[in-house]
Amino acid sequence: MKKNRPGTLLSVDRRSGLREALTATIFSETTTIGVRYRDMARECLDRENGHRRTTRSATSASRWHGRHGEVLNASPEFDDCARLAAEHDVPAKNVQALAMQAYLDARNRGL
């Protein structure tokens, strides 16, 4: 900070309409004499849950992330993979790989 004094940076991520209340709290609870703010926008992928059958005839729940109807990312649910791994006495990472392969196979077939 000024004259090599120590300083603290406080960042607050807020929802719309809370700026005045948060600014009042910052002024009353800290020694600051100024607050900078800027409004930002965020865009997120659509989220959907689904199931894909693995080669071991077990289903693994997955999260699908996409945009404009196109799936861009998929991630198997770890708890489901761990449960299936314990049932089949295989490593969880193998079940995750099988679930991802099932997703990719279905995607390549246009499902």
PDB file of N, CA and C in Angstrom:
ATOM      1  N   MET A   1       0.842  -1.176   0.000  1.00  0.00           N
ATOM      2  CA  MET A   1       0.000   0.000   0.000  1.00  0.00           C
ATOM      3  C   MET A   1       0.891   1.244   0.000  1.00  0.00           C
ATOM      4  N   LYS A   2       0.291   2.352   0.215  1.00  0.00           N
ATOM      5  CA  LYS A   2       1.008   3.611   0.223  1.00  0.00           C
ATOM      6  C   LYS A   2       2.099   3.618   1.291  1.00  0.00           C
ATOM      7  N   LYS A   3       3.266   4.145   0.956  1.00  0.00           N
ATOM      8  CA  LYS A   3       4.404   4.250   1.871  1.00  0.00           C
ATOM      9  C   LYS A   3       4.808   2.889   2.433  1.00  0.00           C
ATOM     10  N   ASN A   4       4.674   1.843   1.616  1.00  0.00           N
ATOM     11  CA  ASN A   4       5.023   0.467   1.993  1.00  0.00           C
ATOM     12  C   ASN A   4       4.283  -0.049   3.221  1.00  0.00           C
ATOM     13  N   ARG A   5       3.090   0.476   3.463  1.00  0.00           N
ATOM     14  CA  ARG A   5       2.279  -0.030   4.573  1.00  0.00           C
ATOM     15  C   ARG A   5       1.614  -1.333   4.144  1.00  0.00           C
ATOM     16  N   PRO A   6       1.390  -2.239   5.100  1.00  0.00           N
ATOM     17  CA  PRO A   6       0.705  -3.484   4.745  1.00  0.00           C
ATOM     18  C   PRO A   6      -0.768  -3.198   4.416  1.00  0.00           C
ATOM     19  N   GLY A   7      -1.324  -4.037   3.594  1.00  0.00           N
ATOM     20  CA  GLY A   7      -2.721  -3.866   3.225  1.00  0.00           C
ATOM     21  C   GLY A   7      -3.394  -5.208   3.050  1.00  0.00           C
ATOM     22  N   THR A   8      -4.696  -5.194   3.044  1.00  0.00           N
ATOM     23  CA  THR A   8      -5.497  -6.396   2.861  1.00  0.00           C
ATOM     24  C   THR A   8      -6.468  -6.156   1.724  1.00  0.00           C
ATOM     25  N   LEU A   9      -6.565  -7.124   0.815  1.00  0.00           N
ATOM     26  CA  LEU A   9      -7.516  -7.039  -0.282  1.00  0.00           C
ATOM     27  C   LEU A   9      -8.731  -7.882   0.076  1.00  0.00           C
ATOM     28  N   LEU A  10      -9.886  -7.272   0.086  1.00  0.00           N
ATOM     29  CA  LEU A  10     -11.140  -7.961   0.367  1.00  0.00           C
ATOM     30  C   LEU A  10     -11.934  -8.018  -0.926  1.00  0.00           C
ATOM     31  N   SER A  11     -12.281  -9.221  -1.354  1.00  0.00           N
ATOM     32  CA  SER A  11     -13.100  -9.393  -2.553  1.00  0.00           C
ATOM     33  C   SER A  11     -14.424 -10.015  -2.144  1.00  0.00           C
ATOM     34  N   VAL A  12     -15.497  -9.485  -2.692  1.00  0.00           N
ATOM     35  CA  VAL A  12     -16.834  -9.982  -2.360  1.00  0.00           C
ATOM     36  C   VAL A  12     -17.553 -10.296  -3.660  1.00  0.00           C
ATOM     37  N   ASP A  13     -18.046 -11.512  -3.768  1.00  0.00           N
ATOM     38  CA  ASP A  13     -18.852 -11.930  -4.914  1.00  0.00           C
ATOM     39  C   ASP A  13     -20.295 -11.898  -4.442  1.00  0.00           C
ATOM     40  N   ARG A  14     -21.101 -11.091  -5.080  1.00  0.00           N
ATOM     41  CA  ARG A  14     -22.461 -10.880  -4.586  1.00  0.00           C
ATOM     42  C   ARG A  14     -23.492 -11.064  -5.683  1.00  0.00           C
ATOM     43  N   ARG A  15     -24.701 -11.273  -5.269  1.00  0.00           N
ATOM     44  CA  ARG A  15     -25.829 -11.324  -6.197  1.00  0.00           C
ATOM     45  C   ARG A  15     -26.343  -9.905  -6.412  1.00  0.00           C
ATOM     46  N   SER A  16     -27.075  -9.720  -7.488  1.00  0.00           N
ATOM     47  CA  SER A  16     -27.625  -8.393  -7.806  1.00  0.00           C
ATOM     48  C   SER A  16     -28.449  -7.852  -6.647  1.00  0.00           C
ATOM     49  N   GLY A  17     -28.395  -6.571  -6.466  1.00  0.00           N
ATOM     50  CA  GLY A  17     -29.231  -5.918  -5.479  1.00  0.00           C
ATOM     51  C   GLY A  17     -28.663  -5.886  -4.069  1.00  0.00           C
ATOM     52  N   LEU A  18     -27.497  -6.447  -3.841  1.00  0.00           N
ATOM     53  CA  LEU A  18     -26.926  -6.469  -2.499  1.00  0.00           C
ATOM     54  C   LEU A  18     -25.759  -5.515  -2.325  1.00  0.00           C
ATOM     55  N   ARG A  19     -25.418  -4.765  -3.367  1.00  0.00           N
ATOM     56  CA  ARG A  19     -24.230  -3.921  -3.296  1.00  0.00           C
ATOM     57  C   ARG A  19     -24.310  -2.910  -2.158  1.00  0.00           C
ATOM     58  N   GLU A  20     -25.411  -2.224  -2.006  1.00  0.00           N
ATOM     59  CA  GLU A  20     -25.522  -1.193  -0.968  1.00  0.00           C
ATOM     60  C   GLU A  20     -25.376  -1.796   0.429  1.00  0.00           C
ATOM     61  N   ALA A  21     -26.020  -2.905   0.678  1.00  0.00           N
ATOM     62  CA  ALA A  21     -25.944  -3.539   1.999  1.00  0.00           C
ATOM     63  C   ALA A  21     -24.520  -4.029   2.281  1.00  0.00           C
ATOM     64  N   LEU A  22     -23.872  -4.617   1.290  1.00  0.00           N
ATOM     65  CA  LEU A  22     -22.505  -5.096   1.496  1.00  0.00           C
ATOM     66  C   LEU A  22     -21.517  -3.950   1.660  1.00  0.00           C
ATOM     67  N   THR A  23     -21.697  -2.886   0.895  1.00  0.00           N
ATOM     68  CA  THR A  23     -20.828  -1.717   1.041  1.00  0.00           C
ATOM     69  C   THR A  23     -20.972  -1.116   2.436  1.00  0.00           C
ATOM     70  N   ALA A  24     -22.197  -1.022   2.931  1.00  0.00           N
ATOM     71  CA  ALA A  24     -22.429  -0.499   4.278  1.00  0.00           C
ATOM     72  C   ALA A  24     -21.744  -1.371   5.325  1.00  0.00           C
ATOM     73  N   THR A  25     -21.813  -2.681   5.146  1.00  0.00           N
ATOM     74  CA  THR A  25     -21.161  -3.602   6.084  1.00  0.00           C
ATOM     75  C   THR A  25     -19.648  -3.448   6.037  1.00  0.00           C
ATOM     76  N   ILE A  26     -19.085  -3.331   4.840  1.00  0.00           N
ATOM     77  CA  ILE A  26     -17.629  -3.167   4.712  1.00  0.00           C
ATOM     78  C   ILE A  26     -17.172  -1.879   5.382  1.00  0.00           C
ATOM     79  N   PHE A  27     -17.910  -0.777   5.169  1.00  0.00           N
ATOM     80  CA  PHE A  27     -17.535   0.490   5.797  1.00  0.00           C
ATOM     81  C   PHE A  27     -17.662   0.418   7.316  1.00  0.00           C
ATOM     82  N   SER A  28     -18.677  -0.263   7.819  1.00  0.00           N
ATOM     83  CA  SER A  28     -18.869  -0.293   9.275  1.00  0.00           C
ATOM     84  C   SER A  28     -17.956  -1.299   9.972  1.00  0.00           C
ATOM     85  N   GLU A  29     -17.508  -2.328   9.274  1.00  0.00           N
ATOM     86  CA  GLU A  29     -16.718  -3.376   9.914  1.00  0.00           C
ATOM     87  C   GLU A  29     -15.216  -3.316   9.621  1.00  0.00           C
ATOM     88  N   THR A  30     -14.789  -2.416   8.729  1.00  0.00           N
ATOM     89  CA  THR A  30     -13.363  -2.298   8.406  1.00  0.00           C
ATOM     90  C   THR A  30     -12.932  -0.844   8.540  1.00  0.00           C
ATOM     91  N   THR A  31     -11.649  -0.608   8.344  1.00  0.00           N
ATOM     92  CA  THR A  31     -11.123   0.760   8.429  1.00  0.00           C
ATOM     93  C   THR A  31     -11.005   1.410   7.056  1.00  0.00           C
ATOM     94  N   THR A  32     -11.539   0.781   6.023  1.00  0.00           N
ATOM     95  CA  THR A  32     -11.409   1.326   4.675  1.00  0.00           C
ATOM     96  C   THR A  32     -12.158   2.648   4.522  1.00  0.00           C
ATOM     97  N   ILE A  33     -11.677   3.462   3.593  1.00  0.00           N
ATOM     98  CA  ILE A  33     -12.372   4.715   3.291  1.00  0.00           C
ATOM     99  C   ILE A  33     -12.888   4.715   1.847  1.00  0.00           C
ATOM    100  N   GLY A  34     -12.775   3.563   1.181  1.00  0.00           N
ATOM    101  CA  GLY A  34     -13.264   3.481  -0.196  1.00  0.00           C
ATOM    102  C   GLY A  34     -13.496   2.045  -0.627  1.00  0.00           C
ATOM    103  N   VAL A  35     -14.470   1.871  -1.506  1.00  0.00           N
ATOM    104  CA  VAL A  35     -14.810   0.554  -2.040  1.00  0.00           C
ATOM    105  C   VAL A  35     -14.911   0.665  -3.551  1.00  0.00           C
ATOM    106  N   ARG A  36     -14.220  -0.211  -4.261  1.00  0.00           N
ATOM    107  CA  ARG A  36     -14.350  -0.280  -5.719  1.00  0.00           C
ATOM    108  C   ARG A  36     -15.288  -1.429  -6.047  1.00  0.00           C
ATOM    109  N   TYR A  37     -16.069  -1.265  -7.077  1.00  0.00           N
ATOM    110  CA  TYR A  37     -16.928  -2.359  -7.501  1.00  0.00           C
ATOM    111  C   TYR A  37     -17.057  -2.351  -9.012  1.00  0.00           C
ATOM    112  N   ARG A  38     -17.390  -3.520  -9.536  1.00  0.00           N
ATOM    113  CA  ARG A  38     -17.683  -3.637 -10.954  1.00  0.00           C
ATOM    114  C   ARG A  38     -18.685  -4.777 -11.127  1.00  0.00           C
ATOM    115  N   ASP A  39     -19.595  -4.566 -12.039  1.00  0.00           N
ATOM    116  CA  ASP A  39     -20.580  -5.597 -12.354  1.00  0.00           C
ATOM    117  C   ASP A  39     -20.020  -6.491 -13.441  1.00  0.00           C
ATOM    118  N   MET A  40     -20.221  -7.781 -13.283  1.00  0.00           N
ATOM    119  CA  MET A  40     -19.725  -8.753 -14.254  1.00  0.00           C
ATOM    120  C   MET A  40     -20.857  -9.711 -14.604  1.00  0.00           C
ATOM    121  N   ALA A  41     -20.727 -10.328 -15.740  1.00  0.00           N
ATOM    122  CA  ALA A  41     -21.690 -11.340 -16.157  1.00  0.00           C
ATOM    123  C   ALA A  41     -20.984 -12.678 -16.223  1.00  0.00           C
ATOM    124  N   ARG A  42     -21.751 -13.742 -16.101  1.00  0.00           N
ATOM    125  CA  ARG A  42     -21.187 -15.084 -16.161  1.00  0.00           C
ATOM    126  C   ARG A  42     -22.097 -15.942 -17.017  1.00  0.00           C
ATOM    127  N   GLU A  43     -21.497 -16.749 -17.834  1.00  0.00           N
ATOM    128  CA  GLU A  43     -22.262 -17.686 -18.644  1.00  0.00           C
ATOM    129  C   GLU A  43     -21.836 -19.095 -18.265  1.00  0.00           C
ATOM    130  N   CYS A  44     -22.802 -19.963 -18.041  1.00  0.00           N
ATOM    131  CA  CYS A  44     -22.533 -21.335 -17.631  1.00  0.00           C
ATOM    132  C   CYS A  44     -23.103 -22.303 -18.648  1.00  0.00           C
ATOM    133  N   LEU A  45     -22.504 -23.470 -18.695  1.00  0.00           N
ATOM    134  CA  LEU A  45     -23.042 -24.527 -19.537  1.00  0.00           C
ATOM    135  C   LEU A  45     -24.316 -25.077 -18.905  1.00  0.00           C
ATOM    136  N   ASP A  46     -25.220 -25.585 -19.742  1.00  0.00           N
ATOM    137  CA  ASP A  46     -26.411 -26.257 -19.239  1.00  0.00           C
ATOM    138  C   ASP A  46     -25.971 -27.546 -18.562  1.00  0.00           C
ATOM    139  N   ARG A  47     -26.708 -27.963 -17.532  1.00  0.00           N
ATOM    140  CA  ARG A  47     -26.351 -29.178 -16.802  1.00  0.00           C
ATOM    141  C   ARG A  47     -27.507 -30.165 -16.871  1.00  0.00           C
ATOM    142  N   GLU A  48     -27.147 -31.419 -16.990  1.00  0.00           N
ATOM    143  CA  GLU A  48     -28.152 -32.471 -17.058  1.00  0.00           C
ATOM    144  C   GLU A  48     -27.545 -33.733 -16.459  1.00  0.00           C
ATOM    145  N   ASN A  49     -28.335 -34.490 -15.735  1.00  0.00           N
ATOM    146  CA  ASN A  49     -27.882 -35.771 -15.201  1.00  0.00           C
ATOM    147  C   ASN A  49     -28.431 -36.882 -16.075  1.00  0.00           C
ATOM    148  N   GLY A  50     -27.694 -37.966 -16.194  1.00  0.00           N
ATOM    149  CA  GLY A  50     -28.150 -39.087 -17.003  1.00  0.00           C
ATOM    150  C   GLY A  50     -27.428 -40.352 -16.614  1.00  0.00           C
ATOM    151  N   HIS A  51     -27.681 -41.415 -17.338  1.00  0.00           N
ATOM    152  CA  HIS A  51     -27.041 -42.697 -17.085  1.00  0.00           C
ATOM    153  C   HIS A  51     -26.495 -43.251 -18.385  1.00  0.00           C
ATOM    154  N   ARG A  52     -25.406 -43.972 -18.292  1.00  0.00           N
ATOM    155  CA  ARG A  52     -24.840 -44.684 -19.431  1.00  0.00           C
ATOM    156  C   ARG A  52     -24.470 -46.080 -18.955  1.00  0.00           C
ATOM    157  N   ARG A  53     -24.733 -47.069 -19.752  1.00  0.00           N
ATOM    158  CA  ARG A  53     -24.416 -48.453 -19.397  1.00  0.00           C
ATOM    159  C   ARG A  53     -22.944 -48.722 -19.705  1.00  0.00           C
ATOM    160  N   THR A  54     -22.260 -49.328 -18.740  1.00  0.00           N
ATOM    161  CA  THR A  54     -20.852 -49.667 -18.954  1.00  0.00           C
ATOM    162  C   THR A  54     -20.764 -51.088 -19.488  1.00  0.00           C
ATOM    163  N   THR A  55     -19.571 -51.524 -19.850  1.00  0.00           N
ATOM    164  CA  THR A  55     -19.393 -52.869 -20.402  1.00  0.00           C
ATOM    165  C   THR A  55     -19.579 -53.944 -19.337  1.00  0.00           C
ATOM    166  N   ARG A  56     -19.642 -53.574 -18.076  1.00  0.00           N
ATOM    167  CA  ARG A  56     -19.901 -54.536 -17.009  1.00  0.00           C
ATOM    168  C   ARG A  56     -21.388 -54.622 -16.695  1.00  0.00           C
ATOM    169  N   SER A  57     -22.225 -54.103 -17.570  1.00  0.00           N
ATOM    170  CA  SER A  57     -23.683 -54.135 -17.426  1.00  0.00           C
ATOM    171  C   SER A  57     -24.168 -53.398 -16.189  1.00  0.00           C
ATOM    172  N   ALA A  58     -23.446 -52.397 -15.782  1.00  0.00           N
ATOM    173  CA  ALA A  58     -23.867 -51.565 -14.655  1.00  0.00           C
ATOM    174  C   ALA A  58     -23.995 -50.142 -15.151  1.00  0.00           C
ATOM    175  N   THR A  59     -24.918 -49.409 -14.581  1.00  0.00           N
ATOM    176  CA  THR A  59     -25.074 -48.035 -15.003  1.00  0.00           C
ATOM    177  C   THR A  59     -24.309 -47.118 -14.071  1.00  0.00           C
ATOM    178  N   SER A  60     -23.811 -46.048 -14.613  1.00  0.00           N
ATOM    179  CA  SER A  60     -23.080 -45.062 -13.831  1.00  0.00           C
ATOM    180  C   SER A  60     -23.690 -43.701 -14.102  1.00  0.00           C
ATOM    181  N   ALA A  61     -24.148 -43.035 -13.056  1.00  0.00           N
ATOM    182  CA  ALA A  61     -24.731 -41.707 -13.226  1.00  0.00           C
ATOM    183  C   ALA A  61     -23.647 -40.739 -13.653  1.00  0.00           C
ATOM    184  N   SER A  62     -24.000 -39.834 -14.522  1.00  0.00           N
ATOM    185  CA  SER A  62     -23.041 -38.847 -14.999  1.00  0.00           C
ATOM    186  C   SER A  62     -23.686 -37.484 -15.067  1.00  0.00           C
ATOM    187  N   ARG A  63     -22.856 -36.475 -15.077  1.00  0.00           N
ATOM    188  CA  ARG A  63     -23.324 -35.106 -15.300  1.00  0.00           C
ATOM    189  C   ARG A  63     -22.906 -34.720 -16.700  1.00  0.00           C
ATOM    190  N   TRP A  64     -23.821 -34.157 -17.434  1.00  0.00           N
ATOM    191  CA  TRP A  64     -23.563 -33.727 -18.805  1.00  0.00           C
ATOM    192  C   TRP A  64     -23.614 -32.219 -18.831  1.00  0.00           C
ATOM    193  N   HIS A  65     -22.664 -31.602 -19.466  1.00  0.00           N
ATOM    194  CA  HIS A  65     -22.611 -30.149 -19.557  1.00  0.00           C
ATOM    195  C   HIS A  65     -22.574 -29.782 -21.032  1.00  0.00           C
ATOM    196  N   GLY A  66     -23.438 -28.863 -21.412  1.00  0.00           N
ATOM    197  CA  GLY A  66     -23.481 -28.510 -22.819  1.00  0.00           C
ATOM    198  C   GLY A  66     -23.993 -27.106 -23.048  1.00  0.00           C
ATOM    199  N   ARG A  67     -24.109 -26.797 -24.314  1.00  0.00           N
ATOM    200  CA  ARG A  67     -24.547 -25.467 -24.720  1.00  0.00           C
ATOM    201  C   ARG A  67     -25.286 -25.597 -26.032  1.00  0.00           C
ATOM    202  N   HIS A  68     -26.436 -24.965 -26.115  1.00  0.00           N
ATOM    203  CA  HIS A  68     -27.260 -24.989 -27.326  1.00  0.00           C
ATOM    204  C   HIS A  68     -27.576 -26.419 -27.764  1.00  0.00           C
ATOM    205  N   GLY A  69     -27.830 -27.298 -26.795  1.00  0.00           N
ATOM    206  CA  GLY A  69     -28.209 -28.672 -27.097  1.00  0.00           C
ATOM    207  C   GLY A  69     -27.061 -29.611 -27.404  1.00  0.00           C
ATOM    208  N   GLU A  70     -25.825 -29.127 -27.435  1.00  0.00           N
ATOM    209  CA  GLU A  70     -24.670 -29.970 -27.728  1.00  0.00           C
ATOM    210  C   GLU A  70     -23.917 -30.260 -26.431  1.00  0.00           C
ATOM    211  N   VAL A  71     -23.685 -31.546 -26.152  1.00  0.00           N
ATOM    212  CA  VAL A  71     -22.931 -31.934 -24.962  1.00  0.00           C
ATOM    213  C   VAL A  71     -21.453 -31.662 -25.203  1.00  0.00           C
ATOM    214  N   LEU A  72     -20.843 -30.888 -24.311  1.00  0.00           N
ATOM    215  CA  LEU A  72     -19.437 -30.529 -24.442  1.00  0.00           C
ATOM    216  C   LEU A  72     -18.558 -31.254 -23.430  1.00  0.00           C
ATOM    217  N   ASN A  73     -19.103 -31.550 -22.255  1.00  0.00           N
ATOM    218  CA  ASN A  73     -18.355 -32.211 -21.195  1.00  0.00           C
ATOM    219  C   ASN A  73     -19.236 -33.260 -20.534  1.00  0.00           C
ATOM    220  N   ALA A  74     -18.616 -34.271 -20.002  1.00  0.00           N
ATOM    221  CA  ALA A  74     -19.318 -35.279 -19.208  1.00  0.00           C
ATOM    222  C   ALA A  74     -18.398 -35.706 -18.079  1.00  0.00           C
ATOM    223  N   SER A  75     -18.982 -36.011 -16.934  1.00  0.00           N
ATOM    224  CA  SER A  75     -18.168 -36.471 -15.810  1.00  0.00           C
ATOM    225  C   SER A  75     -18.964 -37.488 -15.007  1.00  0.00           C
ATOM    226  N   PRO A  76     -18.428 -38.694 -14.850  1.00  0.00           N
ATOM    227  CA  PRO A  76     -19.114 -39.712 -14.057  1.00  0.00           C
ATOM    228  C   PRO A  76     -19.188 -39.288 -12.590  1.00  0.00           C
ATOM    229  N   GLU A  77     -20.254 -39.655 -11.920  1.00  0.00           N
ATOM    230  CA  GLU A  77     -20.431 -39.358 -10.504  1.00  0.00           C
ATOM    231  C   GLU A  77     -19.514 -40.283  -9.708  1.00  0.00           C
ATOM    232  N   PHE A  78     -18.581 -39.712  -8.940  1.00  0.00           N
ATOM    233  CA  PHE A  78     -17.570 -40.527  -8.276  1.00  0.00           C
ATOM    234  C   PHE A  78     -18.177 -41.514  -7.288  1.00  0.00           C
ATOM    235  N   ASP A  79     -19.163 -41.083  -6.497  1.00  0.00           N
ATOM    236  CA  ASP A  79     -19.757 -41.986  -5.506  1.00  0.00           C
ATOM    237  C   ASP A  79     -20.357 -43.216  -6.172  1.00  0.00           C
ATOM    238  N   ASP A  80     -21.008 -43.027  -7.305  1.00  0.00           N
ATOM    239  CA  ASP A  80     -21.587 -44.142  -8.042  1.00  0.00           C
ATOM    240  C   ASP A  80     -20.493 -45.058  -8.571  1.00  0.00           C
ATOM    241  N   CYS A  81     -19.419 -44.463  -9.092  1.00  0.00           N
ATOM    242  CA  CYS A  81     -18.285 -45.255  -9.594  1.00  0.00           C
ATOM    243  C   CYS A  81     -17.631 -46.043  -8.460  1.00  0.00           C
ATOM    244  N   ALA A  82     -17.490 -45.445  -7.299  1.00  0.00           N
ATOM    245  CA  ALA A  82     -16.873 -46.125  -6.152  1.00  0.00           C
ATOM    246  C   ALA A  82     -17.738 -47.296  -5.705  1.00  0.00           C
ATOM    247  N   ARG A  83     -19.049 -47.107  -5.696  1.00  0.00           N
ATOM    248  CA  ARG A  83     -19.963 -48.185  -5.321  1.00  0.00           C
ATOM    249  C   ARG A  83     -19.847 -49.339  -6.306  1.00  0.00           C
ATOM    250  N   LEU A  84     -19.874 -49.028  -7.601  1.00  0.00           N
ATOM    251  CA  LEU A  84     -19.752 -50.071  -8.623  1.00  0.00           C
ATOM    252  C   LEU A  84     -18.396 -50.766  -8.553  1.00  0.00           C
ATOM    253  N   ALA A  85     -17.351 -50.005  -8.267  1.00  0.00           N
ATOM    254  CA  ALA A  85     -16.012 -50.589  -8.152  1.00  0.00           C
ATOM    255  C   ALA A  85     -15.971 -51.599  -7.008  1.00  0.00           C
ATOM    256  N   ALA A  86     -16.580 -51.254  -5.884  1.00  0.00           N
ATOM    257  CA  ALA A  86     -16.606 -52.166  -4.743  1.00  0.00           C
ATOM    258  C   ALA A  86     -17.407 -53.422  -5.074  1.00  0.00           C
ATOM    259  N   GLU A  87     -18.525 -53.257  -5.781  1.00  0.00           N
ATOM    260  CA  GLU A  87     -19.356 -54.402  -6.157  1.00  0.00           C
ATOM    261  C   GLU A  87     -18.611 -55.368  -7.077  1.00  0.00           C
ATOM    262  N   HIS A  88     -17.781 -54.845  -7.984  1.00  0.00           N
ATOM    263  CA  HIS A  88     -17.084 -55.675  -8.971  1.00  0.00           C
ATOM    264  C   HIS A  88     -15.616 -55.909  -8.628  1.00  0.00           C
ATOM    265  N   ASP A  89     -15.198 -55.414  -7.449  1.00  0.00           N
ATOM    266  CA  ASP A  89     -13.821 -55.590  -6.979  1.00  0.00           C
ATOM    267  C   ASP A  89     -12.794 -55.121  -8.016  1.00  0.00           C
ATOM    268  N   VAL A  90     -12.999 -53.907  -8.513  1.00  0.00           N
ATOM    269  CA  VAL A  90     -12.075 -53.277  -9.457  1.00  0.00           C
ATOM    270  C   VAL A  90     -11.791 -51.865  -8.965  1.00  0.00           C
ATOM    271  N   PRO A  91     -10.720 -51.228  -9.416  1.00  0.00           N
ATOM    272  CA  PRO A  91     -10.439 -49.846  -9.013  1.00  0.00           C
ATOM    273  C   PRO A  91     -11.517 -48.876  -9.524  1.00  0.00           C
ATOM    274  N   ALA A  92     -11.801 -47.856  -8.727  1.00  0.00           N
ATOM    275  CA  ALA A  92     -12.809 -46.857  -9.109  1.00  0.00           C
ATOM    276  C   ALA A  92     -12.419 -46.157 -10.408  1.00  0.00           C
ATOM    277  N   LYS A  93     -11.120 -45.948 -10.625  1.00  0.00           N
ATOM    278  CA  LYS A  93     -10.700 -45.268 -11.850  1.00  0.00           C
ATOM    279  C   LYS A  93     -11.049 -46.094 -13.087  1.00  0.00           C
ATOM    280  N   ASN A  94     -11.083 -47.435 -12.957  1.00  0.00           N
ATOM    281  CA  ASN A  94     -11.492 -48.283 -14.084  1.00  0.00           C
ATOM    282  C   ASN A  94     -12.971 -48.085 -14.406  1.00  0.00           C
ATOM    283  N   VAL A  95     -13.785 -47.992 -13.365  1.00  0.00           N
ATOM    284  CA  VAL A  95     -15.222 -47.769 -13.578  1.00  0.00           C
ATOM    285  C   VAL A  95     -15.439 -46.393 -14.193  1.00  0.00           C
ATOM    286  N   GLN A  96     -14.701 -45.388 -13.725  1.00  0.00           N
ATOM    287  CA  GLN A  96     -14.810 -44.053 -14.314  1.00  0.00           C
ATOM    288  C   GLN A  96     -14.437 -44.099 -15.792  1.00  0.00           C
ATOM    289  N   ALA A  97     -13.376 -44.819 -16.116  1.00  0.00           N
ATOM    290  CA  ALA A  97     -12.948 -44.926 -17.519  1.00  0.00           C
ATOM    291  C   ALA A  97     -14.013 -45.627 -18.353  1.00  0.00           C
ATOM    292  N   LEU A  98     -14.624 -46.683 -17.811  1.00  0.00           N
ATOM    293  CA  LEU A  98     -15.686 -47.386 -18.540  1.00  0.00           C
ATOM    294  C   LEU A  98     -16.896 -46.482 -18.760  1.00  0.00           C
ATOM    295  N   ALA A  99     -17.237 -45.698 -17.748  1.00  0.00           N
ATOM    296  CA  ALA A  99     -18.375 -44.780 -17.887  1.00  0.00           C
ATOM    297  C   ALA A  99     -18.086 -43.728 -18.953  1.00  0.00           C
ATOM    298  N   MET A 100     -16.879 -43.201 -18.964  1.00  0.00           N
ATOM    299  CA  MET A 100     -16.513 -42.220 -19.989  1.00  0.00           C
ATOM    300  C   MET A 100     -16.506 -42.853 -21.377  1.00  0.00           C
ATOM    301  N   GLN A 101     -16.026 -44.102 -21.464  1.00  0.00           N
ATOM    302  CA  GLN A 101     -16.018 -44.780 -22.757  1.00  0.00           C
ATOM    303  C   GLN A 101     -17.452 -45.009 -23.250  1.00  0.00           C
ATOM    304  N   ALA A 102     -18.354 -45.370 -22.340  1.00  0.00           N
ATOM    305  CA  ALA A 102     -19.758 -45.546 -22.720  1.00  0.00           C
ATOM    306  C   ALA A 102     -20.339 -44.235 -23.233  1.00  0.00           C
ATOM    307  N   TYR A 103     -19.985 -43.132 -22.572  1.00  0.00           N
ATOM    308  CA  TYR A 103     -20.443 -41.814 -23.028  1.00  0.00           C
ATOM    309  C   TYR A 103     -19.903 -41.509 -24.422  1.00  0.00           C
ATOM    310  N   LEU A 104     -18.611 -41.740 -24.626  1.00  0.00           N
ATOM    311  CA  LEU A 104     -17.998 -41.443 -25.925  1.00  0.00           C
ATOM    312  C   LEU A 104     -18.554 -42.339 -27.020  1.00  0.00           C
ATOM    313  N   ASP A 105     -18.788 -43.615 -26.715  1.00  0.00           N
ATOM    314  CA  ASP A 105     -19.374 -44.522 -27.703  1.00  0.00           C
ATOM    315  C   ASP A 105     -20.760 -44.045 -28.115  1.00  0.00           C
ATOM    316  N   ALA A 106     -21.579 -43.668 -27.118  1.00  0.00           N
ATOM    317  CA  ALA A 106     -22.926 -43.177 -27.418  1.00  0.00           C
ATOM    318  C   ALA A 106     -22.869 -41.883 -28.206  1.00  0.00           C
ATOM    319  N   ARG A 107     -21.933 -41.025 -27.865  1.00  0.00           N
ATOM    320  CA  ARG A 107     -21.797 -39.751 -28.577  1.00  0.00           C
ATOM    321  C   ARG A 107     -21.389 -39.990 -30.041  1.00  0.00           C
ATOM    322  N   ASN A 108     -20.464 -40.928 -30.245  1.00  0.00           N
ATOM    323  CA  ASN A 108     -20.021 -41.239 -31.606  1.00  0.00           C
ATOM    324  C   ASN A 108     -21.104 -41.898 -32.443  1.00  0.00           C
ATOM    325  N   ARG A 109     -22.030 -42.603 -31.783  1.00  0.00           N
ATOM    326  CA  ARG A 109     -23.154 -43.210 -32.505  1.00  0.00           C
ATOM    327  C   ARG A 109     -24.278 -42.193 -32.725  1.00  0.00           C
ATOM    328  N   GLY A 110     -24.132 -41.012 -32.134  1.00  0.00           N
ATOM    329  CA  GLY A 110     -25.157 -39.979 -32.298  1.00  0.00           C
ATOM    330  C   GLY A 110     -26.329 -40.128 -31.360  1.00  0.00           C
ATOM    331  N   LEU A 111     -26.147 -40.804 -30.234  1.00  0.00           N
ATOM    332  CA  LEU A 111     -27.223 -40.966 -29.251  1.00  0.00           C
ATOM    333  C   LEU A 111     -27.299 -39.803 -28.318  1.00  0.00           C
TER     334      LEU A 111
END
